[in-house]
């Protein structure tokens, strides 16, 4: 997947098939949602000589942070997440001790993002949208006409809100997405990619909000 002068690679792996993205330009890269196992990630994304300037989790559920600390240590890259996710991170560590094949390594967070922040790489910047709903600190990351939506928006579906989230907050975040002025390519945290125009036409949750408006 290529933008004007940046590249997006994706692998899908891990216990709940999380999409992990590598966004690259000008010899610098950003890993988004490190939810797979470190060896597979480094091999399949073929990081090579690219400098990973940031590892960003769209939210703190275990499937989106599984290799966060390992990658941070191996690559020397900062780990970044939305503000308000500390409780979700703690929940993920507890879940891993009881239910996952391996215990998650607690992550040292280097930066917390809020709405309107940016993360730079190469000659580009990722723009941050804070979209509470799936969790209190969920993020959408935008570059050009592409958005990485984490577990906020899927193809013809939305993220659940019963694991540290709020349906009312989700409604407000979705309404904000619906009001964006141009179409976007949507790269979600699970499942196949879609577009915002497709979701406005076919996503039952967005159609319900549109009918209420």
N, C-alpha and C. Protein backbone atom coordinates (compact mmCIF):
# COMPACT_ATOMS: atom_id res chain seq x y z
N UNK A 1 0.85 -1.19 0.00
CA UNK A 1 0.00 0.00 0.00
C UNK A 1 0.89 1.24 0.00
N UNK A 2 0.72 2.12 -0.97
CA UNK A 2 1.57 3.29 -1.07
C UNK A 2 0.74 4.56 -1.05
N UNK A 3 1.28 5.57 -0.36
CA UNK A 3 0.74 6.91 -0.46
C UNK A 3 1.56 7.67 -1.47
N UNK A 4 1.54 9.00 -1.44
CA UNK A 4 2.29 9.77 -2.40
C UNK A 4 3.78 9.48 -2.30
N UNK A 5 4.32 9.44 -1.12
CA UNK A 5 5.72 9.06 -0.94
C UNK A 5 5.91 8.39 0.41
N UNK A 6 4.93 7.64 0.82
CA UNK A 6 5.06 6.81 2.01
C UNK A 6 4.46 5.44 1.73
N UNK A 7 4.83 4.48 2.54
CA UNK A 7 4.40 3.09 2.33
C UNK A 7 3.74 2.58 3.59
N UNK A 8 2.71 1.77 3.43
CA UNK A 8 2.03 1.13 4.54
C UNK A 8 2.07 -0.37 4.34
N UNK A 9 2.66 -1.09 5.29
CA UNK A 9 2.64 -2.55 5.29
C UNK A 9 1.78 -3.02 6.45
N UNK A 10 1.17 -4.17 6.30
CA UNK A 10 0.30 -4.71 7.34
C UNK A 10 0.51 -6.21 7.46
N UNK A 11 0.53 -6.69 8.71
CA UNK A 11 0.40 -8.12 8.96
C UNK A 11 -0.72 -8.32 9.96
N UNK A 12 -1.36 -9.47 9.87
CA UNK A 12 -2.46 -9.81 10.76
C UNK A 12 -2.07 -11.08 11.51
N UNK A 13 -1.99 -10.98 12.82
CA UNK A 13 -1.52 -12.13 13.61
C UNK A 13 -1.93 -11.96 15.05
N UNK A 14 -1.52 -12.93 15.88
CA UNK A 14 -1.84 -12.88 17.29
C UNK A 14 -3.12 -13.62 17.62
N UNK A 15 -3.47 -13.70 18.91
CA UNK A 15 -4.60 -14.53 19.34
C UNK A 15 -5.95 -14.08 18.83
N UNK A 16 -6.11 -12.79 18.50
CA UNK A 16 -7.40 -12.32 17.97
C UNK A 16 -7.20 -11.59 16.65
N UNK A 17 -6.16 -11.99 15.89
CA UNK A 17 -5.94 -11.51 14.54
C UNK A 17 -5.95 -9.97 14.46
N UNK A 18 -5.01 -9.38 15.15
CA UNK A 18 -4.86 -7.93 15.16
C UNK A 18 -4.06 -7.48 13.95
N UNK A 19 -4.47 -6.37 13.35
CA UNK A 19 -3.72 -5.76 12.26
C UNK A 19 -2.63 -4.87 12.84
N UNK A 20 -1.39 -5.17 12.52
CA UNK A 20 -0.26 -4.34 12.87
C UNK A 20 0.26 -3.66 11.61
N UNK A 21 0.45 -2.36 11.68
CA UNK A 21 0.85 -1.58 10.51
C UNK A 21 2.25 -1.01 10.69
N UNK A 22 2.97 -0.94 9.58
CA UNK A 22 4.25 -0.24 9.52
C UNK A 22 4.11 0.87 8.49
N UNK A 23 4.26 2.09 8.95
CA UNK A 23 4.15 3.28 8.11
C UNK A 23 5.55 3.83 7.91
N UNK A 24 6.00 3.93 6.64
CA UNK A 24 7.41 4.24 6.38
C UNK A 24 7.55 5.33 5.33
N UNK A 25 8.57 6.18 5.55
CA UNK A 25 8.92 7.22 4.58
C UNK A 25 10.29 7.78 4.92
N UNK A 26 11.11 7.98 3.90
CA UNK A 26 12.38 8.65 4.09
C UNK A 26 13.31 8.00 5.09
N UNK A 27 13.27 6.67 5.17
CA UNK A 27 14.16 5.96 6.07
C UNK A 27 13.69 5.93 7.51
N UNK A 28 12.48 6.42 7.78
CA UNK A 28 11.91 6.37 9.13
C UNK A 28 10.55 5.70 9.09
N UNK A 29 10.22 5.01 10.19
CA UNK A 29 8.98 4.24 10.24
C UNK A 29 8.29 4.42 11.58
N UNK A 30 6.98 4.14 11.57
CA UNK A 30 6.17 4.08 12.78
C UNK A 30 5.44 2.75 12.78
N UNK A 31 5.52 2.03 13.89
CA UNK A 31 4.74 0.81 14.08
C UNK A 31 3.45 1.20 14.79
N UNK A 32 2.32 0.78 14.24
CA UNK A 32 1.01 1.06 14.83
C UNK A 32 0.39 -0.25 15.28
N UNK A 33 0.07 -0.33 16.56
CA UNK A 33 -0.57 -1.49 17.20
C UNK A 33 0.29 -2.75 17.11
N UNK A 34 1.32 -2.82 17.97
CA UNK A 34 2.22 -3.98 17.97
C UNK A 34 1.56 -5.20 18.62
N UNK A 35 0.64 -5.83 17.90
CA UNK A 35 -0.17 -6.86 18.52
C UNK A 35 0.21 -8.28 18.20
N UNK A 36 1.35 -8.48 17.59
CA UNK A 36 1.75 -9.84 17.25
C UNK A 36 3.03 -10.20 17.99
N UNK A 37 3.69 -11.27 17.60
CA UNK A 37 4.92 -11.69 18.26
C UNK A 37 6.12 -11.07 17.57
N UNK A 38 7.11 -10.68 18.34
CA UNK A 38 8.17 -9.81 17.85
C UNK A 38 8.93 -10.37 16.66
N UNK A 39 9.26 -11.67 16.69
CA UNK A 39 9.99 -12.25 15.58
C UNK A 39 9.21 -12.18 14.28
N UNK A 40 7.95 -12.51 14.34
CA UNK A 40 7.11 -12.48 13.15
C UNK A 40 6.96 -11.06 12.65
N UNK A 41 6.81 -10.12 13.56
CA UNK A 41 6.66 -8.72 13.16
C UNK A 41 7.90 -8.23 12.43
N UNK A 42 9.06 -8.43 12.99
CA UNK A 42 10.29 -7.94 12.38
C UNK A 42 10.55 -8.61 11.04
N UNK A 43 10.22 -9.89 10.93
CA UNK A 43 10.45 -10.61 9.69
C UNK A 43 9.47 -10.21 8.60
N UNK A 44 8.19 -10.23 8.90
CA UNK A 44 7.18 -10.00 7.86
C UNK A 44 7.08 -8.53 7.45
N UNK A 45 7.30 -7.61 8.38
CA UNK A 45 7.25 -6.21 8.01
C UNK A 45 8.57 -5.75 7.39
N UNK A 46 9.60 -6.55 7.48
CA UNK A 46 10.87 -6.27 6.81
C UNK A 46 11.34 -4.86 7.13
N UNK A 47 11.51 -4.58 8.42
CA UNK A 47 11.92 -3.24 8.84
C UNK A 47 13.28 -2.86 8.25
N UNK A 48 14.20 -3.80 8.16
CA UNK A 48 15.48 -3.54 7.52
C UNK A 48 16.22 -2.39 8.16
N UNK A 49 16.68 -1.45 7.31
CA UNK A 49 17.48 -0.33 7.80
C UNK A 49 16.63 0.86 8.22
N UNK A 50 15.33 0.76 8.11
CA UNK A 50 14.46 1.87 8.50
C UNK A 50 14.54 2.11 10.00
N UNK A 51 14.61 3.37 10.40
CA UNK A 51 14.63 3.72 11.81
C UNK A 51 13.20 3.85 12.31
N UNK A 52 12.83 3.04 13.30
CA UNK A 52 11.49 3.11 13.86
C UNK A 52 11.47 4.22 14.91
N UNK A 53 10.83 5.33 14.58
CA UNK A 53 10.87 6.51 15.45
C UNK A 53 9.77 6.50 16.50
N UNK A 54 8.78 5.60 16.34
CA UNK A 54 7.71 5.52 17.34
C UNK A 54 6.97 4.21 17.21
N UNK A 55 6.52 3.70 18.35
CA UNK A 55 5.60 2.55 18.42
C UNK A 55 4.34 3.09 19.07
N UNK A 56 3.25 3.10 18.32
CA UNK A 56 2.02 3.73 18.79
C UNK A 56 0.92 2.68 18.92
N UNK A 57 0.25 2.66 20.06
CA UNK A 57 -0.93 1.82 20.25
C UNK A 57 -2.17 2.71 20.17
N UNK A 58 -3.13 2.30 19.36
CA UNK A 58 -4.37 3.08 19.27
C UNK A 58 -5.17 3.02 20.56
N UNK A 59 -4.93 1.99 21.37
CA UNK A 59 -5.52 1.88 22.70
C UNK A 59 -4.78 0.77 23.45
N UNK A 60 -5.13 0.56 24.71
CA UNK A 60 -4.33 -0.28 25.57
C UNK A 60 -4.78 -1.71 25.76
N UNK A 61 -5.76 -2.21 25.00
CA UNK A 61 -6.14 -3.61 25.14
C UNK A 61 -4.99 -4.52 24.74
N UNK A 62 -4.93 -5.68 25.37
CA UNK A 62 -3.75 -6.55 25.28
C UNK A 62 -3.38 -6.88 23.85
N UNK A 63 -4.37 -7.07 22.98
CA UNK A 63 -4.08 -7.51 21.61
C UNK A 63 -3.43 -6.42 20.77
N UNK A 64 -3.39 -5.20 21.26
CA UNK A 64 -2.77 -4.09 20.53
C UNK A 64 -1.44 -3.66 21.13
N UNK A 65 -1.01 -4.32 22.20
CA UNK A 65 0.24 -3.92 22.86
C UNK A 65 1.16 -5.10 23.13
N UNK A 66 0.86 -6.28 22.60
CA UNK A 66 1.52 -7.51 23.04
C UNK A 66 3.04 -7.44 22.98
N UNK A 67 3.57 -6.81 21.94
CA UNK A 67 5.02 -6.73 21.80
C UNK A 67 5.55 -5.33 22.04
N UNK A 68 4.77 -4.49 22.70
CA UNK A 68 5.17 -3.11 22.88
C UNK A 68 6.52 -2.94 23.56
N UNK A 69 6.69 -3.56 24.71
CA UNK A 69 7.94 -3.38 25.44
C UNK A 69 9.11 -4.08 24.77
N UNK A 70 8.86 -5.27 24.21
CA UNK A 70 9.93 -6.00 23.54
C UNK A 70 10.46 -5.20 22.34
N UNK A 71 9.54 -4.62 21.56
CA UNK A 71 9.96 -3.82 20.42
C UNK A 71 10.66 -2.55 20.87
N UNK A 72 10.15 -1.94 21.91
CA UNK A 72 10.77 -0.73 22.46
C UNK A 72 12.21 -1.01 22.86
N UNK A 73 12.43 -2.14 23.52
CA UNK A 73 13.77 -2.49 23.96
C UNK A 73 14.68 -2.83 22.78
N UNK A 74 14.18 -3.62 21.85
CA UNK A 74 15.00 -4.08 20.73
C UNK A 74 15.34 -2.95 19.77
N UNK A 75 14.36 -2.07 19.50
CA UNK A 75 14.54 -1.03 18.50
C UNK A 75 14.97 0.31 19.08
N UNK A 76 14.87 0.46 20.40
CA UNK A 76 15.19 1.74 21.01
C UNK A 76 14.20 2.82 20.67
N UNK A 77 12.95 2.43 20.41
CA UNK A 77 11.92 3.37 19.97
C UNK A 77 10.98 3.71 21.11
N UNK A 78 10.47 4.94 21.16
CA UNK A 78 9.52 5.30 22.22
C UNK A 78 8.17 4.64 22.01
N UNK A 79 7.53 4.28 23.12
CA UNK A 79 6.17 3.73 23.08
C UNK A 79 5.20 4.85 23.41
N UNK A 80 4.17 4.99 22.57
CA UNK A 80 3.24 6.11 22.66
C UNK A 80 1.82 5.57 22.67
N UNK A 81 0.97 6.20 23.48
CA UNK A 81 -0.43 5.78 23.58
C UNK A 81 -1.27 6.99 23.98
N UNK A 82 -2.57 6.89 23.85
CA UNK A 82 -3.44 8.00 24.22
C UNK A 82 -3.49 8.23 25.71
N UNK A 83 -3.65 9.48 26.10
CA UNK A 83 -3.82 9.78 27.52
C UNK A 83 -5.11 9.14 28.02
N UNK A 84 -5.10 8.73 29.28
CA UNK A 84 -6.27 8.09 29.86
C UNK A 84 -6.31 6.59 29.69
N UNK A 85 -5.23 5.98 29.19
CA UNK A 85 -5.22 4.54 28.95
C UNK A 85 -4.51 3.73 30.03
N UNK A 86 -4.02 4.35 31.07
CA UNK A 86 -3.27 3.61 32.08
C UNK A 86 -4.10 2.50 32.73
N UNK A 87 -5.37 2.76 33.01
CA UNK A 87 -6.21 1.73 33.62
C UNK A 87 -6.41 0.55 32.67
N UNK A 88 -6.56 0.84 31.37
CA UNK A 88 -6.72 -0.23 30.38
C UNK A 88 -5.43 -1.04 30.26
N UNK A 89 -4.29 -0.37 30.30
CA UNK A 89 -3.02 -1.09 30.28
C UNK A 89 -2.91 -2.03 31.47
N UNK A 90 -3.26 -1.54 32.65
CA UNK A 90 -3.21 -2.39 33.85
C UNK A 90 -4.15 -3.58 33.71
N UNK A 91 -5.33 -3.37 33.16
CA UNK A 91 -6.28 -4.46 32.91
C UNK A 91 -5.66 -5.50 31.98
N UNK A 92 -4.98 -5.04 30.94
CA UNK A 92 -4.37 -5.96 29.98
C UNK A 92 -3.30 -6.81 30.63
N UNK A 93 -2.49 -6.21 31.50
CA UNK A 93 -1.45 -6.99 32.19
C UNK A 93 -2.09 -8.07 33.06
N UNK A 94 -3.18 -7.73 33.75
CA UNK A 94 -3.86 -8.71 34.60
C UNK A 94 -4.47 -9.84 33.77
N UNK A 95 -5.08 -9.47 32.64
CA UNK A 95 -5.68 -10.48 31.76
C UNK A 95 -4.61 -11.44 31.26
N UNK A 96 -3.45 -10.91 30.90
CA UNK A 96 -2.41 -11.76 30.34
C UNK A 96 -1.93 -12.79 31.36
N UNK A 97 -1.93 -12.43 32.63
CA UNK A 97 -1.48 -13.36 33.66
C UNK A 97 -2.43 -14.54 33.80
N UNK A 98 -3.69 -14.34 33.51
CA UNK A 98 -4.69 -15.38 33.74
C UNK A 98 -5.08 -16.14 32.47
N UNK A 99 -5.09 -15.47 31.32
CA UNK A 99 -5.73 -16.07 30.16
C UNK A 99 -4.86 -16.20 28.92
N UNK A 100 -3.75 -15.49 28.83
CA UNK A 100 -2.95 -15.52 27.61
C UNK A 100 -1.83 -16.54 27.70
N UNK A 101 -1.32 -16.99 26.54
CA UNK A 101 -0.23 -17.98 26.54
C UNK A 101 1.02 -17.46 27.23
N UNK A 102 1.22 -16.17 27.24
CA UNK A 102 2.38 -15.61 27.92
C UNK A 102 2.00 -14.31 28.61
N UNK A 103 2.68 -14.04 29.69
CA UNK A 103 2.43 -12.82 30.44
C UNK A 103 3.01 -11.63 29.70
N UNK A 104 2.24 -10.55 29.57
CA UNK A 104 2.73 -9.36 28.93
C UNK A 104 3.78 -8.67 29.80
N UNK A 105 4.79 -8.13 29.14
CA UNK A 105 5.78 -7.32 29.82
C UNK A 105 5.23 -5.91 30.00
N UNK A 106 5.27 -5.41 31.21
CA UNK A 106 4.75 -4.06 31.47
C UNK A 106 5.54 -3.05 30.65
N UNK A 107 4.82 -2.14 30.00
CA UNK A 107 5.43 -1.19 29.07
C UNK A 107 5.71 0.14 29.77
N UNK A 108 6.89 0.66 29.52
CA UNK A 108 7.24 2.00 29.96
C UNK A 108 6.77 2.99 28.89
N UNK A 109 5.75 3.78 29.20
CA UNK A 109 5.18 4.71 28.23
C UNK A 109 6.04 5.97 28.18
N UNK A 110 6.41 6.37 26.97
CA UNK A 110 7.26 7.55 26.79
C UNK A 110 6.48 8.82 26.50
N UNK A 111 5.29 8.67 25.92
CA UNK A 111 4.51 9.86 25.56
C UNK A 111 3.03 9.49 25.50
N UNK A 112 2.20 10.40 25.99
CA UNK A 112 0.75 10.25 25.89
C UNK A 112 0.22 11.28 24.89
N UNK A 113 -0.67 10.83 24.01
CA UNK A 113 -1.21 11.69 22.97
C UNK A 113 -2.61 12.18 23.33
N UNK A 114 -2.90 13.40 22.89
CA UNK A 114 -4.23 13.98 23.01
C UNK A 114 -4.69 14.49 21.66
N UNK A 115 -5.95 14.86 21.59
CA UNK A 115 -6.54 15.34 20.34
C UNK A 115 -5.75 16.53 19.80
N UNK A 116 -5.42 16.47 18.51
CA UNK A 116 -4.69 17.56 17.88
C UNK A 116 -3.19 17.42 17.90
N UNK A 117 -2.66 16.44 18.63
CA UNK A 117 -1.22 16.21 18.64
C UNK A 117 -0.76 15.64 17.29
N UNK A 118 0.53 15.67 17.06
CA UNK A 118 1.11 15.09 15.85
C UNK A 118 2.32 14.23 16.21
N UNK A 119 2.62 13.27 15.35
CA UNK A 119 3.82 12.46 15.47
C UNK A 119 4.52 12.50 14.12
N UNK A 120 5.76 12.94 14.09
CA UNK A 120 6.47 13.13 12.83
C UNK A 120 7.34 11.93 12.49
N UNK A 121 7.44 11.65 11.19
CA UNK A 121 8.36 10.63 10.69
C UNK A 121 8.70 10.99 9.26
N UNK A 122 9.94 10.78 8.85
CA UNK A 122 10.34 11.16 7.50
C UNK A 122 9.99 12.62 7.25
N UNK A 123 9.29 12.86 6.14
CA UNK A 123 8.83 14.21 5.80
C UNK A 123 7.35 14.38 6.11
N UNK A 124 6.80 13.48 6.92
CA UNK A 124 5.36 13.47 7.18
C UNK A 124 5.05 13.62 8.66
N UNK A 125 3.77 13.77 8.92
CA UNK A 125 3.31 13.74 10.30
C UNK A 125 1.98 13.02 10.37
N UNK A 126 1.80 12.27 11.44
CA UNK A 126 0.52 11.67 11.76
C UNK A 126 -0.27 12.64 12.62
N UNK A 127 -1.51 12.88 12.24
CA UNK A 127 -2.39 13.73 13.04
C UNK A 127 -3.25 12.86 13.94
N UNK A 128 -3.41 13.29 15.18
CA UNK A 128 -4.07 12.49 16.20
C UNK A 128 -5.48 13.00 16.46
N UNK A 129 -6.43 12.06 16.40
CA UNK A 129 -7.80 12.32 16.85
C UNK A 129 -8.06 11.49 18.10
N UNK A 130 -8.48 12.13 19.16
CA UNK A 130 -8.87 11.41 20.38
C UNK A 130 -10.34 11.02 20.21
N UNK A 131 -10.63 9.72 20.27
CA UNK A 131 -11.98 9.23 19.98
C UNK A 131 -12.43 8.28 21.10
N UNK A 132 -12.73 8.79 22.27
CA UNK A 132 -13.20 7.92 23.35
C UNK A 132 -14.46 7.16 22.95
N UNK A 133 -14.58 5.97 23.48
CA UNK A 133 -15.73 5.12 23.16
C UNK A 133 -15.37 3.67 23.36
N UNK A 134 -14.48 3.14 22.52
CA UNK A 134 -14.00 1.77 22.74
C UNK A 134 -13.25 1.70 24.06
N UNK A 135 -12.37 2.68 24.27
CA UNK A 135 -11.76 2.94 25.58
C UNK A 135 -11.74 4.46 25.76
N UNK A 136 -11.39 4.89 26.95
CA UNK A 136 -11.41 6.33 27.24
C UNK A 136 -10.37 7.10 26.45
N UNK A 137 -9.25 6.44 26.13
CA UNK A 137 -8.17 7.14 25.44
C UNK A 137 -7.91 6.65 24.04
N UNK A 138 -8.91 6.05 23.39
CA UNK A 138 -8.72 5.53 22.04
C UNK A 138 -8.33 6.63 21.06
N UNK A 139 -7.49 6.25 20.09
CA UNK A 139 -7.00 7.19 19.09
C UNK A 139 -7.35 6.74 17.69
N UNK A 140 -7.50 7.71 16.81
CA UNK A 140 -7.44 7.50 15.36
C UNK A 140 -6.27 8.32 14.85
N UNK A 141 -5.44 7.71 14.01
CA UNK A 141 -4.26 8.35 13.46
C UNK A 141 -4.47 8.60 11.98
N UNK A 142 -4.22 9.83 11.53
CA UNK A 142 -4.57 10.24 10.17
C UNK A 142 -3.34 10.75 9.45
N UNK A 143 -3.14 10.26 8.22
CA UNK A 143 -2.13 10.81 7.32
C UNK A 143 -2.76 10.94 5.95
N UNK A 144 -2.79 12.14 5.41
CA UNK A 144 -3.44 12.36 4.13
C UNK A 144 -4.90 11.96 4.20
N UNK A 145 -5.31 11.09 3.27
CA UNK A 145 -6.69 10.60 3.27
C UNK A 145 -6.80 9.18 3.82
N UNK A 146 -5.83 8.79 4.65
CA UNK A 146 -5.83 7.47 5.27
C UNK A 146 -5.93 7.62 6.78
N UNK A 147 -6.80 6.82 7.39
CA UNK A 147 -6.91 6.83 8.85
C UNK A 147 -6.79 5.42 9.41
N UNK A 148 -6.01 5.31 10.47
CA UNK A 148 -5.86 4.06 11.22
C UNK A 148 -6.84 4.17 12.39
N UNK A 149 -7.89 3.36 12.37
CA UNK A 149 -9.01 3.57 13.29
C UNK A 149 -8.99 2.66 14.51
N UNK A 150 -7.97 1.81 14.65
CA UNK A 150 -7.93 0.94 15.82
C UNK A 150 -9.22 0.14 15.93
N UNK A 151 -9.80 0.12 17.13
CA UNK A 151 -11.06 -0.62 17.33
C UNK A 151 -12.26 0.32 17.45
N UNK A 152 -12.13 1.52 16.88
CA UNK A 152 -13.27 2.43 16.87
C UNK A 152 -14.21 2.13 15.72
N UNK A 153 -13.66 1.98 14.51
CA UNK A 153 -14.48 1.76 13.32
C UNK A 153 -13.92 0.61 12.51
N UNK A 154 -14.78 -0.37 12.23
CA UNK A 154 -14.46 -1.50 11.37
C UNK A 154 -15.32 -1.44 10.11
N UNK A 155 -15.07 -2.36 9.20
CA UNK A 155 -15.93 -2.49 8.04
C UNK A 155 -17.32 -2.95 8.50
N UNK A 156 -18.30 -2.08 8.35
CA UNK A 156 -19.70 -2.33 8.67
C UNK A 156 -19.90 -2.74 10.13
N UNK A 157 -19.04 -2.22 11.00
CA UNK A 157 -19.17 -2.52 12.43
C UNK A 157 -18.41 -1.46 13.22
N UNK A 158 -18.55 -1.49 14.53
CA UNK A 158 -17.78 -0.61 15.41
C UNK A 158 -17.23 -1.45 16.56
N UNK A 159 -16.34 -0.85 17.34
CA UNK A 159 -15.76 -1.55 18.47
C UNK A 159 -16.73 -1.67 19.63
N UNK A 160 -16.54 -2.69 20.46
CA UNK A 160 -17.36 -2.86 21.65
C UNK A 160 -16.99 -1.79 22.68
N UNK A 161 -17.91 -1.56 23.60
CA UNK A 161 -17.69 -0.49 24.59
C UNK A 161 -17.75 -1.00 26.03
N UNK A 162 -17.77 -2.30 26.21
CA UNK A 162 -17.95 -2.86 27.55
C UNK A 162 -16.64 -3.25 28.23
N UNK A 163 -15.51 -2.91 27.65
CA UNK A 163 -14.22 -3.23 28.25
C UNK A 163 -13.45 -1.93 28.47
N UNK A 164 -14.03 -1.05 29.28
CA UNK A 164 -13.38 0.21 29.60
C UNK A 164 -13.83 1.37 28.75
N UNK A 165 -14.93 1.20 28.04
CA UNK A 165 -15.41 2.25 27.16
C UNK A 165 -16.77 2.79 27.57
N UNK A 166 -17.41 3.49 26.62
CA UNK A 166 -18.70 4.13 26.86
C UNK A 166 -19.43 4.27 25.54
N UNK A 167 -20.67 3.78 25.49
CA UNK A 167 -21.44 3.88 24.26
C UNK A 167 -21.76 5.33 23.92
N UNK A 168 -22.04 6.15 24.92
CA UNK A 168 -22.34 7.55 24.64
C UNK A 168 -21.11 8.26 24.07
N UNK A 169 -19.94 7.96 24.64
CA UNK A 169 -18.71 8.54 24.08
C UNK A 169 -18.46 8.03 22.67
N UNK A 170 -18.73 6.75 22.43
CA UNK A 170 -18.58 6.19 21.09
C UNK A 170 -19.49 6.91 20.10
N UNK A 171 -20.72 7.16 20.49
CA UNK A 171 -21.65 7.87 19.61
C UNK A 171 -21.10 9.24 19.22
N UNK A 172 -20.56 9.96 20.19
CA UNK A 172 -20.03 11.29 19.90
C UNK A 172 -18.81 11.22 18.98
N UNK A 173 -17.97 10.21 19.19
CA UNK A 173 -16.79 10.05 18.33
C UNK A 173 -17.20 9.67 16.91
N UNK A 174 -18.19 8.79 16.77
CA UNK A 174 -18.66 8.42 15.44
C UNK A 174 -19.31 9.60 14.73
N UNK A 175 -20.06 10.40 15.45
CA UNK A 175 -20.65 11.60 14.85
C UNK A 175 -19.56 12.53 14.33
N UNK A 176 -18.48 12.62 15.07
CA UNK A 176 -17.37 13.46 14.61
C UNK A 176 -16.78 12.92 13.31
N UNK A 177 -16.59 11.60 13.23
CA UNK A 177 -16.07 11.01 12.00
C UNK A 177 -17.01 11.25 10.83
N UNK A 178 -18.30 11.15 11.09
CA UNK A 178 -19.29 11.31 10.02
C UNK A 178 -19.29 12.72 9.43
N UNK A 179 -18.78 13.68 10.18
CA UNK A 179 -18.80 15.07 9.73
C UNK A 179 -17.51 15.49 9.02
N UNK A 180 -16.56 14.57 8.87
CA UNK A 180 -15.34 14.92 8.16
C UNK A 180 -15.66 15.28 6.71
N UNK A 181 -14.94 16.24 6.19
CA UNK A 181 -15.34 16.83 4.91
C UNK A 181 -14.98 16.02 3.68
N UNK A 182 -14.00 15.13 3.75
CA UNK A 182 -13.60 14.39 2.56
C UNK A 182 -13.54 12.90 2.88
N UNK A 183 -13.46 12.08 1.83
CA UNK A 183 -13.47 10.64 2.05
C UNK A 183 -12.10 10.17 2.53
N UNK A 184 -12.13 9.08 3.26
CA UNK A 184 -10.91 8.52 3.83
C UNK A 184 -10.86 7.02 3.61
N UNK A 185 -9.66 6.53 3.42
CA UNK A 185 -9.39 5.11 3.47
C UNK A 185 -9.28 4.73 4.94
N UNK A 186 -9.95 3.66 5.34
CA UNK A 186 -10.02 3.25 6.74
C UNK A 186 -9.26 1.94 6.92
N UNK A 187 -8.20 2.00 7.74
CA UNK A 187 -7.41 0.82 8.07
C UNK A 187 -7.67 0.48 9.53
N UNK A 188 -8.49 -0.53 9.80
CA UNK A 188 -8.92 -0.82 11.17
C UNK A 188 -7.96 -1.74 11.91
N UNK A 189 -8.20 -1.89 13.21
CA UNK A 189 -7.38 -2.75 14.03
C UNK A 189 -7.64 -4.24 13.83
N UNK A 190 -8.77 -4.57 13.22
CA UNK A 190 -9.12 -5.96 12.91
C UNK A 190 -9.92 -5.96 11.61
N UNK A 191 -9.79 -7.02 10.85
CA UNK A 191 -10.61 -7.16 9.64
C UNK A 191 -10.05 -6.39 8.46
N UNK A 192 -10.84 -6.40 7.38
CA UNK A 192 -10.37 -5.81 6.13
C UNK A 192 -10.55 -4.30 6.11
N UNK A 193 -9.77 -3.67 5.24
CA UNK A 193 -9.87 -2.22 5.13
C UNK A 193 -11.19 -1.82 4.47
N UNK A 194 -11.53 -0.56 4.63
CA UNK A 194 -12.77 -0.05 4.06
C UNK A 194 -12.56 1.43 3.76
N UNK A 195 -13.63 2.14 3.48
CA UNK A 195 -13.57 3.59 3.28
C UNK A 195 -14.66 4.23 4.12
N UNK A 196 -14.47 5.48 4.43
CA UNK A 196 -15.47 6.19 5.20
C UNK A 196 -16.78 6.31 4.42
N UNK A 197 -16.68 6.49 3.11
CA UNK A 197 -17.91 6.59 2.31
C UNK A 197 -18.69 5.28 2.34
N UNK A 198 -17.99 4.15 2.31
CA UNK A 198 -18.67 2.86 2.40
C UNK A 198 -19.38 2.73 3.74
N UNK A 199 -18.70 3.14 4.81
CA UNK A 199 -19.31 3.01 6.14
C UNK A 199 -20.51 3.93 6.28
N UNK A 200 -20.44 5.10 5.71
CA UNK A 200 -21.60 6.01 5.77
C UNK A 200 -22.80 5.43 5.04
N UNK A 201 -22.53 4.59 4.04
CA UNK A 201 -23.62 4.01 3.25
C UNK A 201 -24.12 2.69 3.80
N UNK A 202 -23.26 1.92 4.49
CA UNK A 202 -23.62 0.55 4.83
C UNK A 202 -23.45 0.17 6.31
N UNK A 203 -22.71 0.94 7.07
CA UNK A 203 -22.50 0.58 8.46
C UNK A 203 -23.77 0.84 9.26
N UNK A 204 -24.39 -0.19 9.85
CA UNK A 204 -25.68 -0.01 10.52
C UNK A 204 -25.62 0.97 11.69
N UNK A 205 -24.49 1.06 12.35
CA UNK A 205 -24.36 1.99 13.49
C UNK A 205 -24.33 3.43 13.00
N UNK A 206 -23.63 3.67 11.91
CA UNK A 206 -23.60 5.03 11.36
C UNK A 206 -24.94 5.40 10.73
N UNK A 207 -25.58 4.44 10.11
CA UNK A 207 -26.91 4.71 9.54
C UNK A 207 -27.92 5.05 10.63
N UNK A 208 -27.81 4.40 11.76
CA UNK A 208 -28.72 4.71 12.88
C UNK A 208 -28.46 6.12 13.39
N UNK A 209 -27.18 6.49 13.51
CA UNK A 209 -26.87 7.85 13.96
C UNK A 209 -27.35 8.88 12.95
N UNK A 210 -27.20 8.56 11.66
CA UNK A 210 -27.65 9.49 10.62
C UNK A 210 -29.16 9.69 10.68
N UNK A 211 -29.89 8.61 10.95
CA UNK A 211 -31.34 8.70 11.03
C UNK A 211 -31.80 9.52 12.24
N UNK A 212 -31.01 9.49 13.31
CA UNK A 212 -31.36 10.24 14.51
C UNK A 212 -31.03 11.71 14.40
N UNK A 213 -30.12 12.05 13.50
CA UNK A 213 -29.64 13.42 13.40
C UNK A 213 -30.70 14.36 12.81
